C-alpha atoms as a PDB file:
ATOM      1  CA  ARG A   1      15.371  87.654  68.458  1.00  0.00           C
ATOM      2  CA  LEU A   2      12.871  87.788  71.313  1.00  0.00           C
ATOM      3  CA  ARG A   3      10.592  90.538  72.619  1.00  0.00           C
ATOM      4  CA  ASN A   4      10.635  91.599  76.262  1.00  0.00           C
ATOM      5  CA  THR A   5       7.612  92.691  78.302  1.00  0.00           C
ATOM      6  CA  SER A   6       7.882  96.203  76.823  1.00  0.00           C
ATOM      7  CA  GLY A   7       7.680  94.881  73.295  1.00  0.00           C
ATOM      8  CA  LEU A   8      11.294  95.688  72.478  1.00  0.00           C
ATOM      9  CA  GLU A   9      13.454  93.206  70.592  1.00  0.00           C
ATOM     10  CA  VAL A  10      16.369  91.698  72.548  1.00  0.00           C
ATOM     11  CA  GLU A  11      19.088  89.192  71.696  1.00  0.00           C
ATOM     12  CA  SER A  12      18.348  85.632  72.784  1.00  0.00           C
ATOM     13  CA  THR A  13      20.953  84.071  75.072  1.00  0.00           C
ATOM     14  CA  LYS A  14      19.738  80.558  74.275  1.00  0.00           C
ATOM     15  CA  PRO A  15      21.929  78.858  71.659  1.00  0.00           C
ATOM     16  CA  SER A  16      20.292  77.935  68.408  1.00  0.00           C
ATOM     17  CA  ARG A  17      19.477  74.325  67.647  1.00  0.00           C
ATOM     18  CA  LYS A  18      22.019  74.319  64.824  1.00  0.00           C
ATOM     19  CA  ALA A  19      24.759  75.749  67.057  1.00  0.00           C
ATOM     20  CA  LEU A  20      24.011  73.242  69.794  1.00  0.00           C
ATOM     21  CA  TRP A  21      24.284  70.319  67.355  1.00  0.00           C
ATOM     22  CA  ARG A  22      27.461  71.691  65.777  1.00  0.00           C
ATOM     23  CA  ASN A  23      29.236  72.362  69.088  1.00  0.00           C
ATOM     24  CA  ARG A  24      28.244  69.105  70.720  1.00  0.00           C
ATOM     25  CA  VAL A  25      28.986  66.859  67.750  1.00  0.00           C
ATOM     26  CA  SER A  26      32.377  68.448  67.084  1.00  0.00           C
ATOM     27  CA  ALA A  27      33.352  68.028  70.731  1.00  0.00           C
ATOM     28  CA  ASP A  28      32.098  64.535  71.476  1.00  0.00           C
ATOM     29  CA  PRO A  29      30.361  61.983  69.203  1.00  0.00           C
ATOM     30  CA  ILE A  30      28.660  60.421  72.239  1.00  0.00           C
ATOM     31  CA  SER A  31      26.643  63.648  72.471  1.00  0.00           C
ATOM     32  CA  VAL A  32      24.995  62.746  69.161  1.00  0.00           C
ATOM     33  CA  ILE A  33      23.322  59.865  70.992  1.00  0.00           C
ATOM     34  CA  SER A  34      22.520  62.107  73.949  1.00  0.00           C
ATOM     35  CA  LEU A  35      20.918  64.773  71.794  1.00  0.00           C
ATOM     36  CA  THR A  36      18.938  62.143  69.931  1.00  0.00           C
ATOM     37  CA  LEU A  37      17.653  60.523  73.121  1.00  0.00           C
ATOM     38  CA  LEU A  38      16.977  63.697  75.106  1.00  0.00           C
ATOM     39  CA  GLY A  39      16.114  66.186  72.389  1.00  0.00           C
ATOM     40  CA  LEU A  40      17.731  69.533  71.634  1.00  0.00           C
ATOM     41  CA  ASP A  41      15.830  71.431  74.303  1.00  0.00           C
ATOM     42  CA  GLN A  42      17.444  69.612  77.220  1.00  0.00           C
ATOM     43  CA  GLY A  43      20.001  71.440  79.320  1.00  0.00           C
ATOM     44  CA  ALA A  44      23.705  70.732  79.580  1.00  0.00           C
ATOM     45  CA  SER A  45      23.265  68.753  82.798  1.00  0.00           C
ATOM     46  CA  GLY A  46      20.770  66.408  81.146  1.00  0.00           C
ATOM     47  CA  ILE A  47      23.094  65.840  78.202  1.00  0.00           C
ATOM     48  CA  ALA A  48      26.050  65.245  80.555  1.00  0.00           C
ATOM     49  CA  LYS A  49      24.082  62.591  82.459  1.00  0.00           C
ATOM     50  CA  CYS A  50      23.130  60.857  79.235  1.00  0.00           C
ATOM     51  CA  ASN A  51      26.760  61.017  78.128  1.00  0.00           C
ATOM     52  CA  GLN A  52      27.782  59.177  81.289  1.00  0.00           C
ATOM     53  CA  VAL A  53      25.173  56.480  80.708  1.00  0.00           C
ATOM     54  CA  CYS A  54      26.176  56.072  77.046  1.00  0.00           C
ATOM     55  CA  ARG A  55      29.861  55.818  77.935  1.00  0.00           C
ATOM     56  CA  LYS A  56      29.138  53.246  80.628  1.00  0.00           C
ATOM     57  CA  LEU A  57      27.100  51.124  78.215  1.00  0.00           C
ATOM     58  CA  TYR A  58      29.804  51.503  75.574  1.00  0.00           C
ATOM     59  CA  MET A  59      32.546  50.367  77.966  1.00  0.00           C
ATOM     60  CA  GLN A  60      30.436  47.348  78.966  1.00  0.00           C
ATOM     61  CA  TRP A  61      30.022  46.525  75.275  1.00  0.00           C
ATOM     62  CA  LEU A  62      33.783  46.793  74.726  1.00  0.00           C
ATOM     63  CA  GLN A  63      34.420  44.461  77.654  1.00  0.00           C
ATOM     64  CA  GLN A  64      32.029  42.006  76.042  1.00  0.00           C
ATOM     65  CA  LEU A  65      33.908  42.208  72.732  1.00  0.00           C
ATOM     66  CA  TYR A  66      37.269  41.589  74.425  1.00  0.00           C
ATOM     67  CA  SER A  67      35.888  38.617  76.372  1.00  0.00           C
ATOM     68  CA  GLU A  68      35.562  35.190  74.760  1.00  0.00           C
ATOM     69  CA  ASP A  69      32.405  34.389  76.710  1.00  0.00           C
ATOM     70  CA  GLY A  70      30.908  37.798  75.965  1.00  0.00           C
ATOM     71  CA  LEU A  71      31.752  37.604  72.274  1.00  0.00           C
ATOM     72  CA  ARG A  72      30.441  34.046  72.012  1.00  0.00           C
ATOM     73  CA  THR A  73      27.187  35.096  73.687  1.00  0.00           C
ATOM     74  CA  LEU A  74      26.843  38.059  71.335  1.00  0.00           C
ATOM     75  CA  VAL A  75      27.508  36.008  68.196  1.00  0.00           C
ATOM     76  CA  SER A  76      25.333  33.080  69.280  1.00  0.00           C
ATOM     77  CA  ASP A  77      22.425  35.387  70.140  1.00  0.00           C
ATOM     78  CA  LEU A  78      22.715  37.096  66.772  1.00  0.00           C
ATOM     79  CA  CYS A  79      22.992  33.784  64.913  1.00  0.00           C
ATOM     80  CA  ALA A  80      19.854  32.620  66.706  1.00  0.00           C
ATOM     81  CA  VAL A  81      18.005  35.526  65.089  1.00  0.00           C
ATOM     82  CA  ALA A  82      19.589  34.953  61.661  1.00  0.00           C
ATOM     83  CA  PRO A  83      22.582  32.680  60.874  1.00  0.00           C
ATOM     84  CA  VAL A  84      24.377  35.400  58.938  1.00  0.00           C
ATOM     85  CA  LEU A  85      23.810  38.183  61.489  1.00  0.00           C
ATOM     86  CA  GLY A  86      26.705  37.231  63.781  1.00  0.00           C
ATOM     87  CA  LEU A  87      29.159  37.324  60.877  1.00  0.00           C
ATOM     88  CA  VAL A  88      27.762  40.671  59.709  1.00  0.00           C
ATOM     89  CA  VAL A  89      28.361  42.245  63.130  1.00  0.00           C
ATOM     90  CA  LEU A  90      31.931  40.897  63.247  1.00  0.00           C
ATOM     91  CA  ALA A  91      32.505  42.360  59.772  1.00  0.00           C
ATOM     92  CA  LEU A  92      31.190  45.746  60.908  1.00  0.00           C
ATOM     93  CA  ILE A  93      33.552  45.700  63.900  1.00  0.00           C
ATOM     94  CA  ILE A  94      36.558  44.906  61.678  1.00  0.00           C
ATOM     95  CA  TYR A  95      35.455  47.601  59.218  1.00  0.00           C
ATOM     96  CA  ALA A  96      35.115  50.224  61.970  1.00  0.00           C
ATOM     97  CA  GLU A  97      38.399  49.219  63.642  1.00  0.00           C
ATOM     98  CA  THR A  98      40.360  49.569  60.397  1.00  0.00           C
ATOM     99  CA  GLY A  99      38.487  52.412  58.687  1.00  0.00           C
ATOM    100  CA  LEU A 100      37.103  54.837  61.278  1.00  0.00           C
ATOM    101  CA  LEU A 101      39.394  56.846  63.550  1.00  0.00           C
ATOM    102  CA  ALA A 102      36.923  56.481  66.406  1.00  0.00           C
ATOM    103  CA  GLY A 103      37.194  52.692  66.134  1.00  0.00           C
ATOM    104  CA  PHE A 104      40.873  52.324  67.074  1.00  0.00           C
ATOM    105  CA  PHE A 105      40.024  50.803  70.478  1.00  0.00           C
ATOM    106  CA  LEU A 106      37.850  48.039  69.015  1.00  0.00           C
ATOM    107  CA  PRO A 107      39.334  44.519  69.045  1.00  0.00           C
ATOM    108  CA  GLY A 108      41.146  43.419  65.904  1.00  0.00           C
ATOM    109  CA  ASP A 109      43.688  40.611  66.328  1.00  0.00           C
ATOM    110  CA  SER A 110      41.947  39.033  69.316  1.00  0.00           C
ATOM    111  CA  LEU A 111      38.565  39.185  67.581  1.00  0.00           C
ATOM    112  CA  LEU A 112      39.914  37.370  64.516  1.00  0.00           C
ATOM    113  CA  VAL A 113      41.476  34.582  66.598  1.00  0.00           C
ATOM    114  CA  THR A 114      38.261  34.242  68.590  1.00  0.00           C
ATOM    115  CA  ALA A 115      36.173  34.176  65.404  1.00  0.00           C
ATOM    116  CA  GLY A 116      38.410  31.386  64.121  1.00  0.00           C
ATOM    117  CA  ILE A 117      37.693  29.359  67.241  1.00  0.00           C
ATOM    118  CA  PHE A 118      33.971  29.872  66.625  1.00  0.00           C
ATOM    119  CA  THR A 119      34.350  27.955  63.342  1.00  0.00           C
ATOM    120  CA  VAL A 120      35.005  24.708  65.233  1.00  0.00           C
ATOM    121  CA  ALA A 121      32.701  22.614  67.426  1.00  0.00           C
ATOM    122  CA  ASN A 122      34.599  21.537  70.527  1.00  0.00           C
ATOM    123  CA  ALA A 123      33.108  19.660  73.508  1.00  0.00           C
ATOM    124  CA  ASP A 124      30.052  21.600  74.635  1.00  0.00           C
ATOM    125  CA  ARG A 125      30.874  24.596  72.437  1.00  0.00           C
ATOM    126  CA  PRO A 126      28.879  24.545  69.191  1.00  0.00           C
ATOM    127  CA  GLN A 127      30.181  25.788  65.870  1.00  0.00           C
ATOM    128  CA  LEU A 128      28.858  29.303  65.279  1.00  0.00           C
ATOM    129  CA  LEU A 129      30.520  30.261  61.986  1.00  0.00           C
ATOM    130  CA  ASP A 130      31.659  28.579  58.774  1.00  0.00           C
ATOM    131  CA  LEU A 131      35.378  29.005  58.120  1.00  0.00           C
ATOM    132  CA  GLY A 132      35.243  29.756  54.373  1.00  0.00           C
ATOM    133  CA  PRO A 133      32.597  32.523  54.429  1.00  0.00           C
ATOM    134  CA  THR A 134      34.149  33.990  57.579  1.00  0.00           C
ATOM    135  CA  ILE A 135      37.546  34.343  55.889  1.00  0.00           C
ATOM    136  CA  VAL A 136      36.030  35.943  52.792  1.00  0.00           C
ATOM    137  CA  VAL A 137      33.667  38.343  54.579  1.00  0.00           C
ATOM    138  CA  LEU A 138      36.155  39.564  57.188  1.00  0.00           C
ATOM    139  CA  THR A 139      38.904  39.977  54.590  1.00  0.00           C
ATOM    140  CA  VAL A 140      36.583  42.106  52.466  1.00  0.00           C
ATOM    141  CA  ALA A 141      35.604  44.096  55.572  1.00  0.00           C
ATOM    142  CA  ALA A 142      39.276  44.793  56.298  1.00  0.00           C
ATOM    143  CA  ILE A 143      39.872  45.919  52.709  1.00  0.00           C
ATOM    144  CA  LEU A 144      36.837  48.220  52.746  1.00  0.00           C
ATOM    145  CA  GLY A 145      37.871  49.584  56.132  1.00  0.00           C
ATOM    146  CA  ASP A 146      41.330  50.653  54.976  1.00  0.00           C
ATOM    147  CA  ALA A 147      39.870  52.044  51.747  1.00  0.00           C
ATOM    148  CA  THR A 148      37.482  54.153  53.799  1.00  0.00           C
ATOM    149  CA  GLY A 149      40.362  55.349  55.962  1.00  0.00           C
ATOM    150  CA  ARG A 150      42.286  56.498  52.881  1.00  0.00           C
ATOM    151  CA  LEU A 151      39.260  58.356  51.525  1.00  0.00           C
ATOM    152  CA  LEU A 152      38.678  60.089  54.848  1.00  0.00           C
ATOM    153  CA  GLY A 153      42.350  61.027  55.058  1.00  0.00           C
ATOM    154  CA  ALA A 154      42.328  62.513  51.564  1.00  0.00           C
ATOM    155  CA  ARG A 155      39.148  64.455  52.310  1.00  0.00           C
ATOM    156  CA  PHE A 156      39.531  65.577  55.925  1.00  0.00           C
ATOM    157  CA  GLY A 157      43.221  65.063  56.703  1.00  0.00           C
ATOM    158  CA  SER A 158      44.238  68.713  56.698  1.00  0.00           C
ATOM    159  CA  SER A 159      41.506  69.689  59.159  1.00  0.00           C
ATOM    160  CA  MET A 160      42.384  66.819  61.523  1.00  0.00           C
ATOM    161  CA  ARG A 161      45.919  68.183  61.950  1.00  0.00           C
ATOM    162  CA  THR A 162      44.535  71.140  63.904  1.00  0.00           C
ATOM    163  CA  ARG A 163      41.662  69.353  65.620  1.00  0.00           C
ATOM    164  CA  PRO A 164      41.888  69.376  69.431  1.00  0.00           C
ATOM    165  CA  ASP A 165      42.199  66.081  71.264  1.00  0.00           C
ATOM    166  CA  THR A 166      39.009  64.358  72.358  1.00  0.00           C
ATOM    167  CA  TRP A 167      38.290  61.055  74.112  1.00  0.00           C
ATOM    168  CA  TRP A 168      38.097  59.295  70.735  1.00  0.00           C
ATOM    169  CA  PHE A 169      40.773  61.203  68.771  1.00  0.00           C
ATOM    170  CA  LYS A 170      44.366  61.819  69.808  1.00  0.00           C
ATOM    171  CA  ARG A 171      46.521  63.893  67.485  1.00  0.00           C
ATOM    172  CA  LYS A 172      49.643  62.032  68.643  1.00  0.00           C
ATOM    173  CA  HIS A 173      48.248  58.836  67.080  1.00  0.00           C
ATOM    174  CA  LEU A 174      47.848  60.583  63.747  1.00  0.00           C
ATOM    175  CA  GLU A 175      51.326  62.110  63.946  1.00  0.00           C
ATOM    176  CA  ALA A 176      52.840  58.708  64.741  1.00  0.00           C
ATOM    177  CA  ALA A 177      51.006  57.164  61.785  1.00  0.00           C
ATOM    178  CA  GLU A 178      52.217  59.925  59.451  1.00  0.00           C
ATOM    179  CA  ALA A 179      55.824  59.410  60.557  1.00  0.00           C
ATOM    180  CA  TYR A 180      55.469  55.647  60.154  1.00  0.00           C
ATOM    181  CA  TYR A 181      54.019  56.040  56.657  1.00  0.00           C
ATOM    182  CA  ARG A 182      56.765  58.464  55.588  1.00  0.00           C
ATOM    183  CA  GLU A 183      59.412  56.030  56.844  1.00  0.00           C
ATOM    184  CA  ARG A 184      57.979  52.788  55.403  1.00  0.00           C
ATOM    185  CA  GLY A 185      55.928  53.957  52.429  1.00  0.00           C
ATOM    186  CA  GLY A 186      53.299  51.593  51.029  1.00  0.00           C
ATOM    187  CA  ALA A 187      54.671  48.664  53.022  1.00  0.00           C
ATOM    188  CA  SER A 188      53.500  50.412  56.187  1.00  0.00           C
ATOM    189  CA  ILE A 189      49.908  49.609  55.174  1.00  0.00           C
ATOM    190  CA  VAL A 190      50.737  45.897  55.363  1.00  0.00           C
ATOM    191  CA  ILE A 191      52.901  46.046  58.505  1.00  0.00           C
ATOM    192  CA  ALA A 192      50.408  48.238  60.365  1.00  0.00           C
ATOM    193  CA  ARG A 193      47.788  45.509  60.067  1.00  0.00           C
ATOM    194  CA  TYR A 194      49.493  43.813  63.004  1.00  0.00           C
ATOM    195  CA  VAL A 195      49.906  46.964  65.120  1.00  0.00           C
ATOM    196  CA  PRO A 196      46.908  48.314  67.073  1.00  0.00           C
ATOM    197  CA  ILE A 197      46.177  52.025  66.619  1.00  0.00           C
ATOM    198  CA  LEU A 198      48.540  52.250  63.626  1.00  0.00           C
ATOM    199  CA  ARG A 199      46.207  49.800  61.874  1.00  0.00           C
ATOM    200  CA  THR A 200      43.511  52.467  62.096  1.00  0.00           C
ATOM    201  CA  PHE A 201      45.552  55.612  61.486  1.00  0.00           C
ATOM    202  CA  VAL A 202      48.067  54.601  58.782  1.00  0.00           C
ATOM    203  CA  PRO A 203      45.456  54.351  55.960  1.00  0.00           C
ATOM    204  CA  PHE A 204      44.217  57.793  57.007  1.00  0.00           C
ATOM    205  CA  ALA A 205      47.789  59.125  56.919  1.00  0.00           C
ATOM    206  CA  ALA A 206      48.319  57.530  53.495  1.00  0.00           C
ATOM    207  CA  GLY A 207      45.256  59.395  52.225  1.00  0.00           C
ATOM    208  CA  MET A 208      46.655  62.618  53.662  1.00  0.00           C
ATOM    209  CA  GLY A 209      49.923  61.915  51.853  1.00  0.00           C
ATOM    210  CA  GLY A 210      48.137  61.667  48.504  1.00  0.00           C
ATOM    211  CA  ILE A 211      48.945  58.032  47.737  1.00  0.00           C
ATOM    212  CA  ALA A 212      47.609  56.888  44.363  1.00  0.00           C
ATOM    213  CA  PRO A 213      44.378  54.870  44.778  1.00  0.00           C
ATOM    214  CA  ALA A 214      45.648  51.921  42.688  1.00  0.00           C
ATOM    215  CA  ARG A 215      48.925  51.752  44.612  1.00  0.00           C
ATOM    216  CA  PHE A 216      47.077  51.957  47.925  1.00  0.00           C
ATOM    217  CA  MET A 217      44.646  49.217  46.917  1.00  0.00           C
ATOM    218  CA  PHE A 218      47.530  46.882  46.083  1.00  0.00           C
ATOM    219  CA  TRP A 219      49.041  47.256  49.558  1.00  0.00           C
ATOM    220  CA  ASN A 220      45.587  47.245  51.121  1.00  0.00           C
ATOM    221  CA  ILE A 221      44.571  43.905  49.622  1.00  0.00           C
ATOM    222  CA  LEU A 222      47.986  42.399  50.353  1.00  0.00           C
ATOM    223  CA  GLY A 223      47.770  43.518  53.974  1.00  0.00           C
ATOM    224  CA  ALA A 224      44.236  42.208  54.460  1.00  0.00           C
ATOM    225  CA  ILE A 225      45.178  38.799  53.060  1.00  0.00           C
ATOM    226  CA  ALA A 226      48.282  38.692  55.263  1.00  0.00           C
ATOM    227  CA  TRP A 227      46.279  39.631  58.360  1.00  0.00           C
ATOM    228  CA  VAL A 228      42.775  38.142  58.353  1.00  0.00           C
ATOM    229  CA  PRO A 229      43.147  34.544  57.042  1.00  0.00           C
ATOM    230  CA  PRO A 230      46.247  33.647  59.138  1.00  0.00           C
ATOM    231  CA  LEU A 231      44.648  34.788  62.407  1.00  0.00           C
ATOM    232  CA  LEU A 232      41.349  33.081  61.584  1.00  0.00           C
ATOM    233  CA  LEU A 233      43.182  29.866  60.706  1.00  0.00           C
ATOM    234  CA  LEU A 234      45.183  30.140  63.929  1.00  0.00           C
ATOM    235  CA  GLY A 235      41.936  30.350  65.867  1.00  0.00           C
ATOM    236  CA  HIS A 236      40.468  27.493  63.837  1.00  0.00           C
ATOM    237  CA  TYR A 237      43.449  25.324  64.738  1.00  0.00           C
ATOM    238  CA  LEU A 238      43.357  26.295  68.410  1.00  0.00           C
ATOM    239  CA  GLY A 239      39.648  25.494  68.468  1.00  0.00           C
ATOM    240  CA  LYS A 240      40.503  21.836  67.877  1.00  0.00           C
ATOM    241  CA  THR A 241      42.883  21.681  70.841  1.00  0.00           C
ATOM    242  CA  SER A 242      42.651  22.079  74.591  1.00  0.00           C
ATOM    243  CA  TRP A 243      43.651  25.727  74.129  1.00  0.00           C
ATOM    244  CA  ALA A 244      40.049  26.425  73.167  1.00  0.00           C
ATOM    245  CA  GLU A 245      39.239  26.076  76.874  1.00  0.00           C
ATOM    246  CA  LYS A 246      41.963  28.610  77.739  1.00  0.00           C
ATOM    247  CA  LEU A 247      40.882  31.307  75.337  1.00  0.00           C
ATOM    248  CA  HIS A 248      41.257  34.081  77.892  1.00  0.00           C
ATOM    249  CA  GLN A 249      44.984  33.337  78.060  1.00  0.00           C
ATOM    250  CA  VAL A 250      45.192  33.067  74.278  1.00  0.00           C
ATOM    251  CA  ILE A 251      43.548  36.480  73.864  1.00  0.00           C
ATOM    252  CA  LEU A 252      45.963  38.027  76.369  1.00  0.00           C
ATOM    253  CA  ILE A 253      48.920  36.492  74.506  1.00  0.00           C
ATOM    254  CA  VAL A 254      47.630  37.774  71.137  1.00  0.00           C
ATOM    255  CA  ILE A 255      47.074  41.258  72.558  1.00  0.00           C
ATOM    256  CA  GLY A 256      50.526  41.217  74.168  1.00  0.00           C
ATOM    257  CA  ILE A 257      52.232  40.177  70.925  1.00  0.00           C
ATOM    258  CA  SER A 258      50.316  42.795  68.928  1.00  0.00           C
ATOM    259  CA  LEU A 259      51.413  45.489  71.385  1.00  0.00           C
ATOM    260  CA  LEU A 260      55.100  44.548  71.179  1.00  0.00           C
ATOM    261  CA  PRO A 261      55.865  46.847  68.200  1.00  0.00           C
ATOM    262  CA  LEU A 262      54.367  49.797  70.094  1.00  0.00           C
ATOM    263  CA  ILE A 263      56.351  48.991  73.216  1.00  0.00           C
ATOM    264  CA  ILE A 264      59.575  48.611  71.202  1.00  0.00           C
ATOM    265  CA  GLY A 265      58.857  51.929  69.473  1.00  0.00           C
ATOM    266  CA  VAL A 266      58.387  53.708  72.805  1.00  0.00           C
ATOM    267  CA  ILE A 267      61.650  52.260  74.123  1.00  0.00           C
ATOM    268  CA  ARG A 268      63.540  53.309  71.004  1.00  0.00           C
ATOM    269  CA  ASN A 269      62.171  56.850  71.200  1.00  0.00           C
ATOM    270  CA  PHE A 270      63.147  57.009  74.866  1.00  0.00           C
ATOM    271  CA  TRP A 271      66.745  56.010  74.176  1.00  0.00           C
ATOM    272  CA  LYS A 272      66.993  58.383  71.209  1.00  0.00           C
ATOM    273  CA  LYS A 273      66.148  61.405  73.375  1.00  0.00           C
ATOM    274  CA  PRO A 274      69.267  63.440  74.125  1.00  0.00           C
ATOM    275  CA  SER A 275      70.236  63.506  77.753  1.00  0.00           C
ATOM    276  CA  ALA A 276      69.620  66.806  79.496  1.00  0.00           C
END
């Protein structure tokens, strides 16, 4: 409450700090960064401007991750600071892409193939990563990511069913993952490793469905082993050939193949719809 010039108490129209944080964070995670950078006392226009800047920087970062040259520059710069740092960042990306709903648009398949190429020295391209540690670390990251997704699904799944769509969360993705999990059961955890978006949402849906932790971990480990090492080894092999110089085309092919199940699913759903 505030006092006016007459000394009488009046209701404040300014939202409380707690309410501002709660409303902004629930609506848009980017606003967390905005509020941190600008402070809670900034107006909506200031936060909106910071949101635009943060989104622009984030999209530039994503373009770097999906580009072989950008990813190589990122990893090489990190390895120059500390040899293990580049691998740690790749592991964090795989963890976020598989375990956090907001990470579904991060690279998965293409990043693994590219990381495999980084394990080979070819022409003027130096070796940035060791194959053995890369396989182990990224496989563990994938396992931990899915395990986190299951835990989040078991804890927050019911509330996410009624959550409105945002730029980072689409309820249709969760509904598709639930339907896929109900249809395929535990095997969906393995199959979804090769399907973007489902790879992120199926573990969450499995947690919502109350899958037993031991049963989930079996499928989780099996899926990680079936996903990470083969793609890394594929990249390692390609790194020894002339295809290493055509990595942009390789990445496009990998992305196209990984999107095929989604495209086939859309076509099937279209043909299943009854004619009007």
